């Protein structure tokens, strides 16, 4: 498999900012309803510090490409430093990668040439999300009906960490195939890696490198 960097963002680390936050919402959308924070490629689940409203059609986050990701990490950090006084909430600067098979049927269309061009050794892996081409999460933002939720939790929840992300690429790849069939209107889905690059205002030890807790 090949892993390519898509871009960067700064995401809010605040339970109050989460769309999926009530017990009833967690029962519909999450395979691990016990988690407190849902980390995801999806800004509807894990908001960007640059988005002004949850109604993204009218108030999209800032960014360099159609995915609202930044192409240049240093430019993002500089922009965040200049605007930091406007939003003092804890945040994490992240890099998002996409994992593809060498013979993937869907052609790779890069949105930009990220700088740096690949994940650095010091970045901390948060886990793997399964999302569509627009970064909408098929793992945490495509509700499960009552007939399937028990079976899905039994099969997949043991492979999710406290970030509600997969810990193994191979398992995420299996879930991707299931999600392609389950949520056909958003298929094809892909496996994305989320990496924490740096953070501010977050309690020490959060978030951990990808392992189940």
C-alpha atoms as a PDB file:
ATOM      1  CA  UNK A   1       0.000   0.000   0.000  1.00  0.00           C
ATOM      2  CA  UNK A   2       1.102   3.580  -0.584  1.00  0.00           C
ATOM      3  CA  UNK A   3       0.469   6.489   1.764  1.00  0.00           C
ATOM      4  CA  UNK A   4       0.306  10.027   0.401  1.00  0.00           C
ATOM      5  CA  UNK A   5      -0.053  13.277   2.283  1.00  0.00           C
ATOM      6  CA  UNK A   6      -3.178  15.302   1.459  1.00  0.00           C
ATOM      7  CA  UNK A   7      -2.590  18.396   3.575  1.00  0.00           C
ATOM      8  CA  UNK A   8      -2.898  19.941   7.011  1.00  0.00           C
ATOM      9  CA  UNK A   9      -5.430  21.505   9.357  1.00  0.00           C
ATOM     10  CA  UNK A  10      -5.818  22.740  12.932  1.00  0.00           C
ATOM     11  CA  UNK A  11      -8.688  21.033  14.736  1.00  0.00           C
ATOM     12  CA  UNK A  12     -10.488  22.031  17.928  1.00  0.00           C
ATOM     13  CA  UNK A  13     -10.049  19.720  20.910  1.00  0.00           C
ATOM     14  CA  UNK A  14     -13.205  20.464  22.837  1.00  0.00           C
ATOM     15  CA  UNK A  15     -16.080  18.119  23.643  1.00  0.00           C
ATOM     16  CA  UNK A  16     -18.522  21.035  23.443  1.00  0.00           C
ATOM     17  CA  UNK A  17     -17.642  21.545  19.769  1.00  0.00           C
ATOM     18  CA  UNK A  18     -18.658  18.037  18.759  1.00  0.00           C
ATOM     19  CA  UNK A  19     -21.746  17.447  16.640  1.00  0.00           C
ATOM     20  CA  UNK A  20     -22.081  13.864  17.897  1.00  0.00           C
ATOM     21  CA  UNK A  21     -22.156  14.487  21.613  1.00  0.00           C
ATOM     22  CA  UNK A  22     -25.421  13.332  23.213  1.00  0.00           C
ATOM     23  CA  UNK A  23     -25.962   9.698  24.259  1.00  0.00           C
ATOM     24  CA  UNK A  24     -28.704   9.264  21.656  1.00  0.00           C
ATOM     25  CA  UNK A  25     -26.453  10.567  18.861  1.00  0.00           C
ATOM     26  CA  UNK A  26     -23.602   8.325  19.955  1.00  0.00           C
ATOM     27  CA  UNK A  27     -25.918   5.303  19.875  1.00  0.00           C
ATOM     28  CA  UNK A  28     -26.704   6.006  16.207  1.00  0.00           C
ATOM     29  CA  UNK A  29     -23.328   7.136  14.856  1.00  0.00           C
ATOM     30  CA  UNK A  30     -20.590   5.501  16.932  1.00  0.00           C
ATOM     31  CA  UNK A  31     -19.378   1.935  17.204  1.00  0.00           C
ATOM     32  CA  UNK A  32     -17.745   2.906  20.507  1.00  0.00           C
ATOM     33  CA  UNK A  33     -20.286   5.196  22.230  1.00  0.00           C
ATOM     34  CA  UNK A  34     -18.037   5.321  25.316  1.00  0.00           C
ATOM     35  CA  UNK A  35     -15.513   7.690  23.713  1.00  0.00           C
ATOM     36  CA  UNK A  36     -15.491  11.363  24.708  1.00  0.00           C
ATOM     37  CA  UNK A  37     -13.788  12.813  21.629  1.00  0.00           C
ATOM     38  CA  UNK A  38     -14.321  11.743  18.042  1.00  0.00           C
ATOM     39  CA  UNK A  39     -11.282  12.416  15.878  1.00  0.00           C
ATOM     40  CA  UNK A  40     -11.921  12.265  12.152  1.00  0.00           C
ATOM     41  CA  UNK A  41     -11.069  13.613   8.720  1.00  0.00           C
ATOM     42  CA  UNK A  42     -14.633  14.958   8.774  1.00  0.00           C
ATOM     43  CA  UNK A  43     -14.897  18.608   9.923  1.00  0.00           C
ATOM     44  CA  UNK A  44     -18.551  18.017  10.784  1.00  0.00           C
ATOM     45  CA  UNK A  45     -17.267  15.681  13.485  1.00  0.00           C
ATOM     46  CA  UNK A  46     -13.910  17.220  14.353  1.00  0.00           C
ATOM     47  CA  UNK A  47     -14.240  20.962  13.637  1.00  0.00           C
ATOM     48  CA  UNK A  48     -11.462  23.069  12.174  1.00  0.00           C
ATOM     49  CA  UNK A  49     -10.408  26.128  14.142  1.00  0.00           C
ATOM     50  CA  UNK A  50     -10.770  28.009  10.857  1.00  0.00           C
ATOM     51  CA  UNK A  51     -14.439  27.270  10.264  1.00  0.00           C
ATOM     52  CA  UNK A  52     -16.780  29.978  11.429  1.00  0.00           C
ATOM     53  CA  UNK A  53     -19.957  27.914  11.613  1.00  0.00           C
ATOM     54  CA  UNK A  54     -21.068  24.300  11.552  1.00  0.00           C
ATOM     55  CA  UNK A  55     -23.137  25.045   8.430  1.00  0.00           C
ATOM     56  CA  UNK A  56     -20.219  24.555   6.069  1.00  0.00           C
ATOM     57  CA  UNK A  57     -22.025  25.336   2.829  1.00  0.00           C
ATOM     58  CA  UNK A  58     -22.181  28.985   3.828  1.00  0.00           C
ATOM     59  CA  UNK A  59     -19.176  29.203   6.134  1.00  0.00           C
ATOM     60  CA  UNK A  60     -16.475  26.755   5.015  1.00  0.00           C
ATOM     61  CA  UNK A  61     -13.151  26.513   6.834  1.00  0.00           C
ATOM     62  CA  UNK A  62     -10.125  28.244   5.395  1.00  0.00           C
ATOM     63  CA  UNK A  63      -7.711  26.168   3.352  1.00  0.00           C
ATOM     64  CA  UNK A  64      -5.842  25.826   0.108  1.00  0.00           C
ATOM     65  CA  UNK A  65      -7.909  23.197  -1.695  1.00  0.00           C
ATOM     66  CA  UNK A  66     -11.430  21.841  -2.126  1.00  0.00           C
ATOM     67  CA  UNK A  67     -10.950  19.637   0.930  1.00  0.00           C
ATOM     68  CA  UNK A  68     -10.328  22.793   3.016  1.00  0.00           C
ATOM     69  CA  UNK A  69      -6.876  21.518   3.903  1.00  0.00           C
ATOM     70  CA  UNK A  70      -3.733  23.625   3.944  1.00  0.00           C
ATOM     71  CA  UNK A  71      -0.946  22.672   1.550  1.00  0.00           C
ATOM     72  CA  UNK A  72       1.896  24.418   3.379  1.00  0.00           C
ATOM     73  CA  UNK A  73       2.326  23.472   7.033  1.00  0.00           C
ATOM     74  CA  UNK A  74       4.400  26.543   7.911  1.00  0.00           C
ATOM     75  CA  UNK A  75       1.840  28.859   6.339  1.00  0.00           C
ATOM     76  CA  UNK A  76      -0.901  27.240   8.433  1.00  0.00           C
ATOM     77  CA  UNK A  77       1.164  27.629  11.610  1.00  0.00           C
ATOM     78  CA  UNK A  78       1.916  31.265  10.796  1.00  0.00           C
ATOM     79  CA  UNK A  79      -1.748  31.991  10.091  1.00  0.00           C
ATOM     80  CA  UNK A  80      -2.795  30.272  13.297  1.00  0.00           C
ATOM     81  CA  UNK A  81      -0.214  32.225  15.301  1.00  0.00           C
ATOM     82  CA  UNK A  82      -1.484  35.535  13.925  1.00  0.00           C
ATOM     83  CA  UNK A  83      -5.159  34.695  14.613  1.00  0.00           C
ATOM     84  CA  UNK A  84      -4.649  32.788  17.868  1.00  0.00           C
ATOM     85  CA  UNK A  85      -5.956  35.566  20.090  1.00  0.00           C
ATOM     86  CA  UNK A  86      -9.367  35.230  18.445  1.00  0.00           C
ATOM     87  CA  UNK A  87      -9.807  31.616  19.526  1.00  0.00           C
ATOM     88  CA  UNK A  88      -8.124  30.374  22.688  1.00  0.00           C
ATOM     89  CA  UNK A  89      -9.595  26.870  22.584  1.00  0.00           C
ATOM     90  CA  UNK A  90      -7.193  23.905  22.720  1.00  0.00           C
ATOM     91  CA  UNK A  91      -6.312  22.621  19.258  1.00  0.00           C
ATOM     92  CA  UNK A  92      -4.212  20.068  17.439  1.00  0.00           C
ATOM     93  CA  UNK A  93      -2.380  20.685  14.177  1.00  0.00           C
ATOM     94  CA  UNK A  94      -2.800  17.556  12.072  1.00  0.00           C
ATOM     95  CA  UNK A  95      -1.675  16.020   8.819  1.00  0.00           C
ATOM     96  CA  UNK A  96      -4.048  13.818   6.822  1.00  0.00           C
ATOM     97  CA  UNK A  97      -2.813  11.067   4.524  1.00  0.00           C
ATOM     98  CA  UNK A  98      -4.629   8.708   2.180  1.00  0.00           C
ATOM     99  CA  UNK A  99      -3.675   5.055   1.879  1.00  0.00           C
ATOM    100  CA  UNK A 100      -4.169   3.379  -1.496  1.00  0.00           C
ATOM    101  CA  UNK A 101      -3.332   0.032  -2.975  1.00  0.00           C
ATOM    102  CA  UNK A 102      -0.720   0.222  -5.772  1.00  0.00           C
ATOM    103  CA  UNK A 103      -3.328  -0.973  -8.284  1.00  0.00           C
ATOM    104  CA  UNK A 104      -6.206   1.154  -6.926  1.00  0.00           C
ATOM    105  CA  UNK A 105      -9.074   1.494  -9.416  1.00  0.00           C
ATOM    106  CA  UNK A 106      -9.806   5.116  -8.440  1.00  0.00           C
ATOM    107  CA  UNK A 107      -7.159   7.415  -9.896  1.00  0.00           C
ATOM    108  CA  UNK A 108      -5.265   9.574  -7.438  1.00  0.00           C
ATOM    109  CA  UNK A 109      -6.001  13.259  -8.054  1.00  0.00           C
ATOM    110  CA  UNK A 110      -3.775  15.388  -5.788  1.00  0.00           C
ATOM    111  CA  UNK A 111      -5.375  18.612  -4.573  1.00  0.00           C
ATOM    112  CA  UNK A 112      -1.982  20.247  -4.041  1.00  0.00           C
ATOM    113  CA  UNK A 113       1.670  19.443  -3.441  1.00  0.00           C
ATOM    114  CA  UNK A 114       1.998  19.480   0.357  1.00  0.00           C
ATOM    115  CA  UNK A 115       5.017  21.046   2.031  1.00  0.00           C
ATOM    116  CA  UNK A 116       6.498  18.973   3.579  1.00  0.00           C
ATOM    117  CA  UNK A 117       5.713  16.267   1.063  1.00  0.00           C
ATOM    118  CA  UNK A 118       5.379  13.359   3.505  1.00  0.00           C
ATOM    119  CA  UNK A 119       4.795  12.577   7.153  1.00  0.00           C
ATOM    120  CA  UNK A 120       7.777  13.280   9.410  1.00  0.00           C
ATOM    121  CA  UNK A 121       9.184  10.880  11.976  1.00  0.00           C
ATOM    122  CA  UNK A 122       8.069  13.002  14.932  1.00  0.00           C
ATOM    123  CA  UNK A 123       4.387  13.104  13.997  1.00  0.00           C
ATOM    124  CA  UNK A 124       2.125  11.026  16.251  1.00  0.00           C
ATOM    125  CA  UNK A 125      -0.309   8.636  14.620  1.00  0.00           C
ATOM    126  CA  UNK A 126      -3.835   9.120  15.948  1.00  0.00           C
ATOM    127  CA  UNK A 127      -5.388   6.309  13.906  1.00  0.00           C
ATOM    128  CA  UNK A 128      -7.117   5.573  10.619  1.00  0.00           C
ATOM    129  CA  UNK A 129     -10.485   6.880   9.456  1.00  0.00           C
ATOM    130  CA  UNK A 130     -12.637   5.506   6.615  1.00  0.00           C
ATOM    131  CA  UNK A 131     -14.103   8.403   4.660  1.00  0.00           C
ATOM    132  CA  UNK A 132     -15.293   9.320   1.185  1.00  0.00           C
ATOM    133  CA  UNK A 133     -13.422  11.460  -1.352  1.00  0.00           C
ATOM    134  CA  UNK A 134     -14.700  14.638   0.353  1.00  0.00           C
ATOM    135  CA  UNK A 135     -13.497  13.412   3.798  1.00  0.00           C
ATOM    136  CA  UNK A 136     -17.004  12.621   5.114  1.00  0.00           C
ATOM    137  CA  UNK A 137     -16.518   9.767   7.561  1.00  0.00           C
ATOM    138  CA  UNK A 138     -18.212   6.466   6.836  1.00  0.00           C
ATOM    139  CA  UNK A 139     -16.998   5.273  10.229  1.00  0.00           C
ATOM    140  CA  UNK A 140     -18.464   8.002  12.447  1.00  0.00           C
ATOM    141  CA  UNK A 141     -20.867  10.098  10.347  1.00  0.00           C
ATOM    142  CA  UNK A 142     -23.044   7.574   8.501  1.00  0.00           C
ATOM    143  CA  UNK A 143     -25.582   6.368  11.047  1.00  0.00           C
ATOM    144  CA  UNK A 144     -26.085   2.663  11.804  1.00  0.00           C
ATOM    145  CA  UNK A 145     -29.607   1.290  11.947  1.00  0.00           C
ATOM    146  CA  UNK A 146     -30.892  -0.835  14.782  1.00  0.00           C
ATOM    147  CA  UNK A 147     -30.655  -4.065  12.831  1.00  0.00           C
ATOM    148  CA  UNK A 148     -26.922  -3.786  12.210  1.00  0.00           C
ATOM    149  CA  UNK A 149     -25.490  -1.844  15.134  1.00  0.00           C
ATOM    150  CA  UNK A 150     -25.006  -4.792  17.503  1.00  0.00           C
ATOM    151  CA  UNK A 151     -23.218  -6.907  14.913  1.00  0.00           C
ATOM    152  CA  UNK A 152     -21.068  -3.980  13.782  1.00  0.00           C
ATOM    153  CA  UNK A 153     -20.017  -3.164  17.333  1.00  0.00           C
ATOM    154  CA  UNK A 154     -19.121  -6.760  18.054  1.00  0.00           C
ATOM    155  CA  UNK A 155     -17.038  -7.007  14.867  1.00  0.00           C
ATOM    156  CA  UNK A 156     -15.350  -3.593  14.676  1.00  0.00           C
ATOM    157  CA  UNK A 157     -15.360  -1.868  18.087  1.00  0.00           C
ATOM    158  CA  UNK A 158     -12.428  -3.970  19.436  1.00  0.00           C
ATOM    159  CA  UNK A 159     -10.282  -2.463  16.675  1.00  0.00           C
ATOM    160  CA  UNK A 160     -11.076   1.170  17.507  1.00  0.00           C
ATOM    161  CA  UNK A 161      -9.019   3.282  19.906  1.00  0.00           C
ATOM    162  CA  UNK A 162     -10.235   6.039  22.235  1.00  0.00           C
ATOM    163  CA  UNK A 163     -10.113   8.448  19.281  1.00  0.00           C
ATOM    164  CA  UNK A 164     -12.774   6.322  17.525  1.00  0.00           C
ATOM    165  CA  UNK A 165     -10.208   5.483  14.849  1.00  0.00           C
ATOM    166  CA  UNK A 166      -8.853   2.169  13.628  1.00  0.00           C
ATOM    167  CA  UNK A 167      -5.443   1.122  14.891  1.00  0.00           C
ATOM    168  CA  UNK A 168      -4.535  -1.126  11.945  1.00  0.00           C
ATOM    169  CA  UNK A 169      -4.551  -0.302   8.246  1.00  0.00           C
ATOM    170  CA  UNK A 170      -5.586  -3.829   7.283  1.00  0.00           C
ATOM    171  CA  UNK A 171      -8.681  -3.734   9.496  1.00  0.00           C
ATOM    172  CA  UNK A 172      -9.573  -0.252   8.248  1.00  0.00           C
ATOM    173  CA  UNK A 173      -9.266  -1.559   4.701  1.00  0.00           C
ATOM    174  CA  UNK A 174     -11.725  -4.356   5.468  1.00  0.00           C
ATOM    175  CA  UNK A 175     -14.159  -1.853   6.976  1.00  0.00           C
ATOM    176  CA  UNK A 176     -13.797   0.319   3.872  1.00  0.00           C
ATOM    177  CA  UNK A 177     -15.096  -2.510   1.674  1.00  0.00           C
ATOM    178  CA  UNK A 178     -18.072  -3.036   4.004  1.00  0.00           C
ATOM    179  CA  UNK A 179     -18.825   0.695   4.002  1.00  0.00           C
ATOM    180  CA  UNK A 180     -18.749   0.843   0.196  1.00  0.00           C
ATOM    181  CA  UNK A 181     -21.642  -1.630   0.219  1.00  0.00           C
ATOM    182  CA  UNK A 182     -23.449  -0.131   3.216  1.00  0.00           C
ATOM    183  CA  UNK A 183     -23.320   3.534   2.159  1.00  0.00           C
ATOM    184  CA  UNK A 184     -23.420   3.328  -1.617  1.00  0.00           C
ATOM    185  CA  UNK A 185     -24.385   6.977  -2.080  1.00  0.00           C
ATOM    186  CA  UNK A 186     -20.953   8.072  -0.806  1.00  0.00           C
ATOM    187  CA  UNK A 187     -18.838   5.256  -2.242  1.00  0.00           C
ATOM    188  CA  UNK A 188     -16.022   4.794  -2.937  1.00  0.00           C
ATOM    189  CA  UNK A 189     -14.531   5.171   0.525  1.00  0.00           C
ATOM    190  CA  UNK A 190     -10.842   5.373   1.358  1.00  0.00           C
ATOM    191  CA  UNK A 191      -8.561   4.815   4.328  1.00  0.00           C
ATOM    192  CA  UNK A 192      -7.013   7.971   5.772  1.00  0.00           C
ATOM    193  CA  UNK A 193      -4.270   8.364   8.340  1.00  0.00           C
ATOM    194  CA  UNK A 194      -4.471  11.167  10.925  1.00  0.00           C
ATOM    195  CA  UNK A 195      -1.265  12.473  12.496  1.00  0.00           C
ATOM    196  CA  UNK A 196      -0.840  14.982  15.317  1.00  0.00           C
ATOM    197  CA  UNK A 197       1.952  17.381  14.431  1.00  0.00           C
ATOM    198  CA  UNK A 198       1.721  19.770  17.367  1.00  0.00           C
ATOM    199  CA  UNK A 199      -0.865  21.040  19.815  1.00  0.00           C
ATOM    200  CA  UNK A 200      -1.638  23.901  22.181  1.00  0.00           C
ATOM    201  CA  UNK A 201      -3.675  24.008  25.351  1.00  0.00           C
ATOM    202  CA  UNK A 202      -4.239  20.234  25.389  1.00  0.00           C
ATOM    203  CA  UNK A 203      -3.614  18.290  28.635  1.00  0.00           C
ATOM    204  CA  UNK A 204      -0.343  16.404  28.592  1.00  0.00           C
ATOM    205  CA  UNK A 205      -0.681  12.905  27.160  1.00  0.00           C
ATOM    206  CA  UNK A 206      -3.578  13.715  24.833  1.00  0.00           C
ATOM    207  CA  UNK A 207      -4.068  12.351  22.312  1.00  0.00           C
ATOM    208  CA  UNK A 208      -2.124   9.132  22.571  1.00  0.00           C
ATOM    209  CA  UNK A 209      -0.490   7.328  19.720  1.00  0.00           C
ATOM    210  CA  UNK A 210      -2.923   4.902  18.123  1.00  0.00           C
ATOM    211  CA  UNK A 211      -3.610   2.030  20.489  1.00  0.00           C
ATOM    212  CA  UNK A 212      -6.790   0.830  22.103  1.00  0.00           C
ATOM    213  CA  UNK A 213      -7.605   2.240  25.545  1.00  0.00           C
END
